[in-house]
């Protein structure tokens, strides 16, 4: 039983260390502009419906 708990704790620690070591993905400027334009259009549509 103790070995299973130790294995589980080790797995959690190694997963956390791996997650901390990964690099974050930065979106391209074109993607960010499309997101902003899309949210703006959604805002305009919602504003016009009110």
N, C-alpha and C. Protein backbone atom coordinates (compact mmCIF):
# COMPACT_ATOMS: atom_id res chain seq x y z
N UNK A 1 0.84 -1.19 0.00
CA UNK A 1 0.00 0.00 0.00
C UNK A 1 0.88 1.25 0.00
N UNK A 2 1.93 1.23 0.82
CA UNK A 2 2.81 2.39 0.90
C UNK A 2 3.53 2.63 -0.42
N UNK A 3 3.89 1.56 -1.11
CA UNK A 3 4.58 1.72 -2.40
C UNK A 3 3.66 2.35 -3.43
N UNK A 4 2.36 2.04 -3.39
CA UNK A 4 1.41 2.64 -4.33
C UNK A 4 1.26 4.13 -4.06
N UNK A 5 1.23 4.50 -2.80
CA UNK A 5 1.11 5.92 -2.44
C UNK A 5 2.38 6.66 -2.85
N UNK A 6 3.53 6.06 -2.61
CA UNK A 6 4.79 6.68 -2.99
C UNK A 6 4.87 6.85 -4.50
N UNK A 7 4.42 5.84 -5.24
CA UNK A 7 4.42 5.91 -6.69
C UNK A 7 3.49 7.03 -7.17
N UNK A 8 2.33 7.15 -6.55
CA UNK A 8 1.37 8.18 -6.93
C UNK A 8 1.94 9.57 -6.65
N UNK A 9 2.56 9.76 -5.50
CA UNK A 9 3.15 11.05 -5.15
C UNK A 9 4.30 11.39 -6.11
N UNK A 10 5.11 10.39 -6.43
CA UNK A 10 6.20 10.61 -7.37
C UNK A 10 5.69 11.00 -8.74
N UNK A 11 4.60 10.37 -9.16
CA UNK A 11 4.01 10.69 -10.45
C UNK A 11 3.48 12.11 -10.47
N UNK A 12 2.85 12.53 -9.40
CA UNK A 12 2.32 13.89 -9.32
C UNK A 12 3.46 14.91 -9.34
N UNK A 13 4.52 14.63 -8.61
CA UNK A 13 5.66 15.55 -8.56
C UNK A 13 6.33 15.64 -9.92
N UNK A 14 6.53 14.50 -10.58
CA UNK A 14 7.20 14.53 -11.88
C UNK A 14 6.33 15.20 -12.93
N UNK A 15 5.02 15.03 -12.84
CA UNK A 15 4.13 15.69 -13.79
C UNK A 15 4.17 17.20 -13.58
N UNK A 16 4.19 17.64 -12.34
CA UNK A 16 4.28 19.07 -12.04
C UNK A 16 5.59 19.67 -12.52
N UNK A 17 6.68 18.93 -12.36
CA UNK A 17 7.98 19.43 -12.80
C UNK A 17 8.02 19.51 -14.32
N UNK A 18 7.41 18.53 -14.97
CA UNK A 18 7.38 18.55 -16.44
C UNK A 18 6.52 19.72 -16.94
N UNK A 19 5.43 19.99 -16.28
CA UNK A 19 4.55 21.09 -16.69
C UNK A 19 5.25 22.43 -16.50
N UNK A 20 6.07 22.54 -15.46
CA UNK A 20 6.77 23.80 -15.21
C UNK A 20 7.90 24.01 -16.22
N UNK A 21 8.43 22.93 -16.78
CA UNK A 21 9.56 23.03 -17.71
C UNK A 21 9.11 23.27 -19.14
N UNK A 22 7.84 23.10 -19.44
CA UNK A 22 7.38 23.29 -20.82
C UNK A 22 7.30 24.77 -21.14
N UNK A 23 7.50 25.10 -22.41
CA UNK A 23 7.41 26.49 -22.83
C UNK A 23 5.98 26.83 -23.18
N UNK A 24 5.64 28.08 -23.00
CA UNK A 24 4.29 28.52 -23.34
C UNK A 24 4.26 28.96 -24.80
N UNK A 25 3.14 28.76 -25.43
CA UNK A 25 2.98 29.13 -26.83
C UNK A 25 2.43 30.55 -26.90
N UNK A 26 3.14 31.40 -27.62
CA UNK A 26 2.70 32.78 -27.79
C UNK A 26 2.02 32.89 -29.15
N UNK A 27 0.76 33.34 -29.17
CA UNK A 27 0.06 33.44 -30.45
C UNK A 27 0.70 34.49 -31.37
N UNK A 28 0.59 34.26 -32.65
CA UNK A 28 1.10 35.21 -33.65
C UNK A 28 0.24 36.48 -33.62
N UNK A 29 0.81 37.61 -34.03
CA UNK A 29 0.02 38.85 -34.05
C UNK A 29 -1.22 38.76 -34.92
N UNK A 30 -1.13 38.00 -36.03
CA UNK A 30 -2.29 37.86 -36.90
C UNK A 30 -3.43 37.14 -36.18
N UNK A 31 -3.07 36.13 -35.39
CA UNK A 31 -4.09 35.39 -34.64
C UNK A 31 -4.74 36.29 -33.60
N UNK A 32 -3.92 37.07 -32.92
CA UNK A 32 -4.46 37.96 -31.89
C UNK A 32 -5.38 39.00 -32.52
N UNK A 33 -5.00 39.53 -33.69
CA UNK A 33 -5.86 40.54 -34.33
C UNK A 33 -7.19 39.91 -34.77
N UNK A 34 -7.16 38.67 -35.25
CA UNK A 34 -8.41 38.00 -35.63
C UNK A 34 -9.30 37.77 -34.41
N UNK A 35 -8.68 37.43 -33.29
CA UNK A 35 -9.45 37.23 -32.05
C UNK A 35 -10.11 38.55 -31.63
N UNK A 36 -9.34 39.63 -31.67
CA UNK A 36 -9.87 40.94 -31.27
C UNK A 36 -10.99 41.38 -32.20
N UNK A 37 -10.79 41.19 -33.52
CA UNK A 37 -11.84 41.56 -34.49
C UNK A 37 -13.10 40.72 -34.26
N UNK A 38 -12.92 39.42 -34.01
CA UNK A 38 -14.07 38.55 -33.77
C UNK A 38 -14.84 38.95 -32.52
N UNK A 39 -14.11 39.24 -31.45
CA UNK A 39 -14.78 39.68 -30.22
C UNK A 39 -15.48 41.02 -30.42
N UNK A 40 -14.86 41.90 -31.21
CA UNK A 40 -15.49 43.18 -31.50
C UNK A 40 -16.79 43.01 -32.28
N UNK A 41 -16.77 42.10 -33.26
CA UNK A 41 -18.00 41.85 -34.02
C UNK A 41 -19.09 41.24 -33.15
N UNK A 42 -18.71 40.36 -32.27
CA UNK A 42 -19.69 39.79 -31.34
C UNK A 42 -20.27 40.88 -30.45
N UNK A 43 -19.41 41.80 -30.00
CA UNK A 43 -19.88 42.92 -29.18
C UNK A 43 -20.86 43.81 -29.92
N UNK A 44 -20.56 44.07 -31.20
CA UNK A 44 -21.45 44.91 -32.02
C UNK A 44 -22.81 44.22 -32.20
N UNK A 45 -22.78 42.93 -32.47
CA UNK A 45 -24.03 42.18 -32.67
C UNK A 45 -24.87 42.19 -31.40
N UNK A 46 -24.24 41.96 -30.26
CA UNK A 46 -24.97 41.97 -28.98
C UNK A 46 -25.51 43.36 -28.69
N UNK A 47 -24.71 44.40 -28.97
CA UNK A 47 -25.14 45.77 -28.70
C UNK A 47 -26.34 46.16 -29.58
N UNK A 48 -26.34 45.72 -30.84
CA UNK A 48 -27.44 46.05 -31.75
C UNK A 48 -28.73 45.33 -31.38
N UNK A 49 -28.62 44.13 -30.79
CA UNK A 49 -29.82 43.39 -30.43
C UNK A 49 -30.53 43.97 -29.23
N UNK A 50 -29.82 44.76 -28.42
CA UNK A 50 -30.45 45.32 -27.22
C UNK A 50 -31.29 46.50 -27.53
